[in-house]
Structure formats: structure tokens, C-alpha cells
Amino acid sequence: MSRSASEERDYFLRRSADHRDLAARTAEAGNRVLHERFATLYTERAASVMVDDH
């Protein structure tokens, strides 16, 4: 099943928010860095999705 571009972008933004939340809640510095990096990657991926709202 495929998602529309808008759904794809929203998915990446949700995943980014999830990882930012996990980074904020973890006590392990290494895990925090990984979650912050994943959050950044998901945000960048969301920004690259072309959405045609017309």
C-alpha cells in the first residue's frame, strides 16, 4: 500500500517528533545522540517530499 506525498511527509514528521521525544526522555548520552540524529534525518526527508496541494 502506498501513501500520498502528503501522507508520506506527515509520516516523516511524526517519526521525527517521536525521536525528538525519545531523545528528551533518555538518560543515555549515546542513545540521545542517535535519536536526535534520526529526528534530523526524518525532518530532512520530510522537507524533500514534494506535495502538490492542488
PDB file of N, CA and C in Angstrom:
ATOM      1  N   MET A   1       0.849  -1.179   0.000  1.00  0.00           N
ATOM      2  CA  MET A   1       0.000   0.000   0.000  1.00  0.00           C
ATOM      3  C   MET A   1       0.892   1.238   0.000  1.00  0.00           C
ATOM      4  N   SER A   2       0.614   2.146  -0.892  1.00  0.00           N
ATOM      5  CA  SER A   2       1.434   3.350  -0.970  1.00  0.00           C
ATOM      6  C   SER A   2       0.700   4.544  -0.367  1.00  0.00           C
ATOM      7  N   ARG A   3       1.489   5.486   0.078  1.00  0.00           N
ATOM      8  CA  ARG A   3       0.939   6.702   0.679  1.00  0.00           C
ATOM      9  C   ARG A   3       1.041   7.841  -0.319  1.00  0.00           C
ATOM     10  N   SER A   4       0.149   8.817  -0.169  1.00  0.00           N
ATOM     11  CA  SER A   4       0.257  10.026  -0.975  1.00  0.00           C
ATOM     12  C   SER A   4       1.469  10.818  -0.481  1.00  0.00           C
ATOM     13  N   ALA A   5       1.901  11.789  -1.260  1.00  0.00           N
ATOM     14  CA  ALA A   5       3.048  12.611  -0.862  1.00  0.00           C
ATOM     15  C   ALA A   5       2.777  13.317   0.461  1.00  0.00           C
ATOM     16  N   SER A   6       1.566  13.795   0.634  1.00  0.00           N
ATOM     17  CA  SER A   6       1.203  14.472   1.880  1.00  0.00           C
ATOM     18  C   SER A   6       1.259  13.512   3.066  1.00  0.00           C
ATOM     19  N   GLU A   7       0.755  12.313   2.872  1.00  0.00           N
ATOM     20  CA  GLU A   7       0.806  11.292   3.930  1.00  0.00           C
ATOM     21  C   GLU A   7       2.244  10.886   4.235  1.00  0.00           C
ATOM     22  N   GLU A   8       3.048  10.804   3.195  1.00  0.00           N
ATOM     23  CA  GLU A   8       4.459  10.452   3.365  1.00  0.00           C
ATOM     24  C   GLU A   8       5.180  11.523   4.189  1.00  0.00           C
ATOM     25  N   ARG A   9       4.962  12.780   3.837  1.00  0.00           N
ATOM     26  CA  ARG A   9       5.576  13.888   4.579  1.00  0.00           C
ATOM     27  C   ARG A   9       5.127  13.868   6.033  1.00  0.00           C
ATOM     28  N   ASP A  10       3.828  13.697   6.259  1.00  0.00           N
ATOM     29  CA  ASP A  10       3.303  13.660   7.625  1.00  0.00           C
ATOM     30  C   ASP A  10       3.894  12.500   8.420  1.00  0.00           C
ATOM     31  N   TYR A  11       4.073  11.367   7.770  1.00  0.00           N
ATOM     32  CA  TYR A  11       4.691  10.208   8.422  1.00  0.00           C
ATOM     33  C   TYR A  11       6.107  10.556   8.889  1.00  0.00           C
ATOM     34  N   PHE A  12       6.899  11.145   7.999  1.00  0.00           N
ATOM     35  CA  PHE A  12       8.271  11.501   8.362  1.00  0.00           C
ATOM     36  C   PHE A  12       8.296  12.522   9.496  1.00  0.00           C
ATOM     37  N   LEU A  13       7.377  13.467   9.485  1.00  0.00           N
ATOM     38  CA  LEU A  13       7.325  14.459  10.564  1.00  0.00           C
ATOM     39  C   LEU A  13       6.929  13.818  11.891  1.00  0.00           C
ATOM     40  N   ARG A  14       6.012  12.859  11.851  1.00  0.00           N
ATOM     41  CA  ARG A  14       5.644  12.135  13.085  1.00  0.00           C
ATOM     42  C   ARG A  14       6.825  11.340  13.626  1.00  0.00           C
ATOM     43  N   ARG A  15       7.532  10.670  12.739  1.00  0.00           N
ATOM     44  CA  ARG A  15       8.696   9.891  13.173  1.00  0.00           C
ATOM     45  C   ARG A  15       9.765  10.810  13.760  1.00  0.00           C
ATOM     46  N   SER A  16       9.945  11.968  13.159  1.00  0.00           N
ATOM     47  CA  SER A  16      10.902  12.936  13.688  1.00  0.00           C
ATOM     48  C   SER A  16      10.508  13.361  15.097  1.00  0.00           C
ATOM     49  N   ALA A  17       9.239  13.682  15.285  1.00  0.00           N
ATOM     50  CA  ALA A  17       8.750  14.085  16.609  1.00  0.00           C
ATOM     51  C   ALA A  17       8.917  12.952  17.618  1.00  0.00           C
ATOM     52  N   ASP A  18       8.655  11.732  17.192  1.00  0.00           N
ATOM     53  CA  ASP A  18       8.834  10.571  18.078  1.00  0.00           C
ATOM     54  C   ASP A  18      10.284  10.476  18.555  1.00  0.00           C
ATOM     55  N   HIS A  19      11.214  10.644  17.629  1.00  0.00           N
ATOM     56  CA  HIS A  19      12.625  10.537  18.001  1.00  0.00           C
ATOM     57  C   HIS A  19      13.072  11.712  18.870  1.00  0.00           C
ATOM     58  N   ARG A  20      12.540  12.898  18.628  1.00  0.00           N
ATOM     59  CA  ARG A  20      12.881  14.031  19.498  1.00  0.00           C
ATOM     60  C   ARG A  20      12.372  13.773  20.915  1.00  0.00           C
ATOM     61  N   ASP A  21      11.187  13.201  21.017  1.00  0.00           N
ATOM     62  CA  ASP A  21      10.629  12.861  22.331  1.00  0.00           C
ATOM     63  C   ASP A  21      11.499  11.810  23.023  1.00  0.00           C
ATOM     64  N   LEU A  22      11.879  10.787  22.284  1.00  0.00           N
ATOM     65  CA  LEU A  22      12.740   9.748  22.856  1.00  0.00           C
ATOM     66  C   LEU A  22      14.087  10.327  23.296  1.00  0.00           C
ATOM     67  N   ALA A  23      14.640  11.230  22.507  1.00  0.00           N
ATOM     68  CA  ALA A  23      15.915  11.861  22.866  1.00  0.00           C
ATOM     69  C   ALA A  23      15.783  12.649  24.163  1.00  0.00           C
ATOM     70  N   ALA A  24      14.663  13.323  24.329  1.00  0.00           N
ATOM     71  CA  ALA A  24      14.447  14.135  25.529  1.00  0.00           C
ATOM     72  C   ALA A  24      14.267  13.271  26.771  1.00  0.00           C
ATOM     73  N   ARG A  25      13.777  12.052  26.588  1.00  0.00           N
ATOM     74  CA  ARG A  25      13.472  11.189  27.737  1.00  0.00           C
ATOM     75  C   ARG A  25      14.579  10.215  28.110  1.00  0.00           C
ATOM     76  N   THR A  26      15.561  10.030  27.258  1.00  0.00           N
ATOM     77  CA  THR A  26      16.593   9.030  27.557  1.00  0.00           C
ATOM     78  C   THR A  26      17.708   9.614  28.427  1.00  0.00           C
ATOM     79  N   ALA A  27      18.227   8.784  29.300  1.00  0.00           N
ATOM     80  CA  ALA A  27      19.332   9.201  30.165  1.00  0.00           C
ATOM     81  C   ALA A  27      20.688   8.881  29.528  1.00  0.00           C
ATOM     82  N   GLU A  28      20.690   7.988  28.561  1.00  0.00           N
ATOM     83  CA  GLU A  28      21.925   7.562  27.893  1.00  0.00           C
ATOM     84  C   GLU A  28      22.351   8.581  26.837  1.00  0.00           C
ATOM     85  N   ALA A  29      23.523   9.143  26.997  1.00  0.00           N
ATOM     86  CA  ALA A  29      24.006  10.152  26.047  1.00  0.00           C
ATOM     87  C   ALA A  29      24.100   9.595  24.625  1.00  0.00           C
ATOM     88  N   GLY A  30      24.596   8.372  24.490  1.00  0.00           N
ATOM     89  CA  GLY A  30      24.717   7.772  23.162  1.00  0.00           C
ATOM     90  C   GLY A  30      23.376   7.580  22.485  1.00  0.00           C
ATOM     91  N   ASN A  31      22.397   7.126  23.237  1.00  0.00           N
ATOM     92  CA  ASN A  31      21.048   6.949  22.681  1.00  0.00           C
ATOM     93  C   ASN A  31      20.429   8.290  22.321  1.00  0.00           C
ATOM     94  N   ARG A  32      20.674   9.302  23.157  1.00  0.00           N
ATOM     95  CA  ARG A  32      20.128  10.636  22.888  1.00  0.00           C
ATOM     96  C   ARG A  32      20.665  11.169  21.558  1.00  0.00           C
ATOM     97  N   VAL A  33      21.969  11.016  21.353  1.00  0.00           N
ATOM     98  CA  VAL A  33      22.588  11.474  20.104  1.00  0.00           C
ATOM     99  C   VAL A  33      21.978  10.754  18.906  1.00  0.00           C
ATOM    100  N   LEU A  34      21.787   9.448  19.025  1.00  0.00           N
ATOM    101  CA  LEU A  34      21.185   8.690  17.923  1.00  0.00           C
ATOM    102  C   LEU A  34      19.763   9.152  17.629  1.00  0.00           C
ATOM    103  N   HIS A  35      18.956   9.332  18.672  1.00  0.00           N
ATOM    104  CA  HIS A  35      17.577   9.777  18.461  1.00  0.00           C
ATOM    105  C   HIS A  35      17.538  11.182  17.856  1.00  0.00           C
ATOM    106  N   GLU A  36      18.421  12.059  18.297  1.00  0.00           N
ATOM    107  CA  GLU A  36      18.471  13.402  17.714  1.00  0.00           C
ATOM    108  C   GLU A  36      18.864  13.336  16.245  1.00  0.00           C
ATOM    109  N   ARG A  37      19.787  12.452  15.916  1.00  0.00           N
ATOM    110  CA  ARG A  37      20.210  12.296  14.519  1.00  0.00           C
ATOM    111  C   ARG A  37      19.076  11.736  13.666  1.00  0.00           C
ATOM    112  N   PHE A  38      18.385  10.723  14.172  1.00  0.00           N
ATOM    113  CA  PHE A  38      17.237  10.186  13.438  1.00  0.00           C
ATOM    114  C   PHE A  38      16.169  11.262  13.241  1.00  0.00           C
ATOM    115  N   ALA A  39      15.930  12.065  14.267  1.00  0.00           N
ATOM    116  CA  ALA A  39      14.937  13.140  14.157  1.00  0.00           C
ATOM    117  C   ALA A  39      15.326  14.106  13.045  1.00  0.00           C
ATOM    118  N   THR A  40      16.594  14.465  12.994  1.00  0.00           N
ATOM    119  CA  THR A  40      17.075  15.369  11.944  1.00  0.00           C
ATOM    120  C   THR A  40      16.913  14.742  10.568  1.00  0.00           C
ATOM    121  N   LEU A  41      17.274  13.479  10.441  1.00  0.00           N
ATOM    122  CA  LEU A  41      17.148  12.798   9.148  1.00  0.00           C
ATOM    123  C   LEU A  41      15.695  12.729   8.689  1.00  0.00           C
ATOM    124  N   TYR A  42      14.780  12.417   9.608  1.00  0.00           N
ATOM    125  CA  TYR A  42      13.360  12.368   9.246  1.00  0.00           C
ATOM    126  C   TYR A  42      12.845  13.749   8.846  1.00  0.00           C
ATOM    127  N   THR A  43      13.293  14.802   9.542  1.00  0.00           N
ATOM    128  CA  THR A  43      12.879  16.163   9.185  1.00  0.00           C
ATOM    129  C   THR A  43      13.381  16.523   7.789  1.00  0.00           C
ATOM    130  N   GLU A  44      14.628  16.188   7.507  1.00  0.00           N
ATOM    131  CA  GLU A  44      15.191  16.458   6.182  1.00  0.00           C
ATOM    132  C   GLU A  44      14.455  15.676   5.104  1.00  0.00           C
ATOM    133  N   ARG A  45      14.120  14.441   5.399  1.00  0.00           N
ATOM    134  CA  ARG A  45      13.387  13.615   4.422  1.00  0.00           C
ATOM    135  C   ARG A  45      12.002  14.200   4.175  1.00  0.00           C
ATOM    136  N   ALA A  46      11.340  14.649   5.234  1.00  0.00           N
ATOM    137  CA  ALA A  46      10.016  15.262   5.086  1.00  0.00           C
ATOM    138  C   ALA A  46      10.100  16.504   4.207  1.00  0.00           C
ATOM    139  N   ALA A  47      11.157  17.279   4.378  1.00  0.00           N
ATOM    140  CA  ALA A  47      11.322  18.503   3.588  1.00  0.00           C
ATOM    141  C   ALA A  47      11.556  18.199   2.111  1.00  0.00           C
ATOM    142  N   SER A  48      12.057  17.014   1.814  1.00  0.00           N
ATOM    143  CA  SER A  48      12.354  16.665   0.425  1.00  0.00           C
ATOM    144  C   SER A  48      11.142  16.109  -0.328  1.00  0.00           C
ATOM    145  N   VAL A  49      10.070  15.814   0.388  1.00  0.00           N
ATOM    146  CA  VAL A  49       8.873  15.258  -0.253  1.00  0.00           C
ATOM    147  C   VAL A  49       8.102  16.388  -0.924  1.00  0.00           C
ATOM    148  N   MET A  50       7.877  16.229  -2.205  1.00  0.00           N
ATOM    149  CA  MET A  50       7.136  17.242  -2.959  1.00  0.00           C
ATOM    150  C   MET A  50       5.639  16.980  -2.823  1.00  0.00           C
ATOM    151  N   VAL A  51       4.934  17.975  -2.301  1.00  0.00           N
ATOM    152  CA  VAL A  51       3.495  17.843  -2.102  1.00  0.00           C
ATOM    153  C   VAL A  51       2.790  18.831  -3.011  1.00  0.00           C
ATOM    154  N   ASP A  52       1.879  18.323  -3.803  1.00  0.00           N
ATOM    155  CA  ASP A  52       1.067  19.167  -4.678  1.00  0.00           C
ATOM    156  C   ASP A  52      -0.315  19.261  -4.060  1.00  0.00           C
ATOM    157  N   ASP A  53      -0.616  20.394  -3.440  1.00  0.00           N
ATOM    158  CA  ASP A  53      -1.898  20.577  -2.767  1.00  0.00           C
ATOM    159  C   ASP A  53      -3.017  20.990  -3.720  1.00  0.00           C
ATOM    160  N   HIS A  54      -2.736  21.004  -5.011  1.00  0.00           N
ATOM    161  CA  HIS A  54      -3.769  21.439  -5.967  1.00  0.00           C
ATOM    162  C   HIS A  54      -4.388  20.271  -6.665  1.00  0.00           C
TER     163      HIS A  54
END
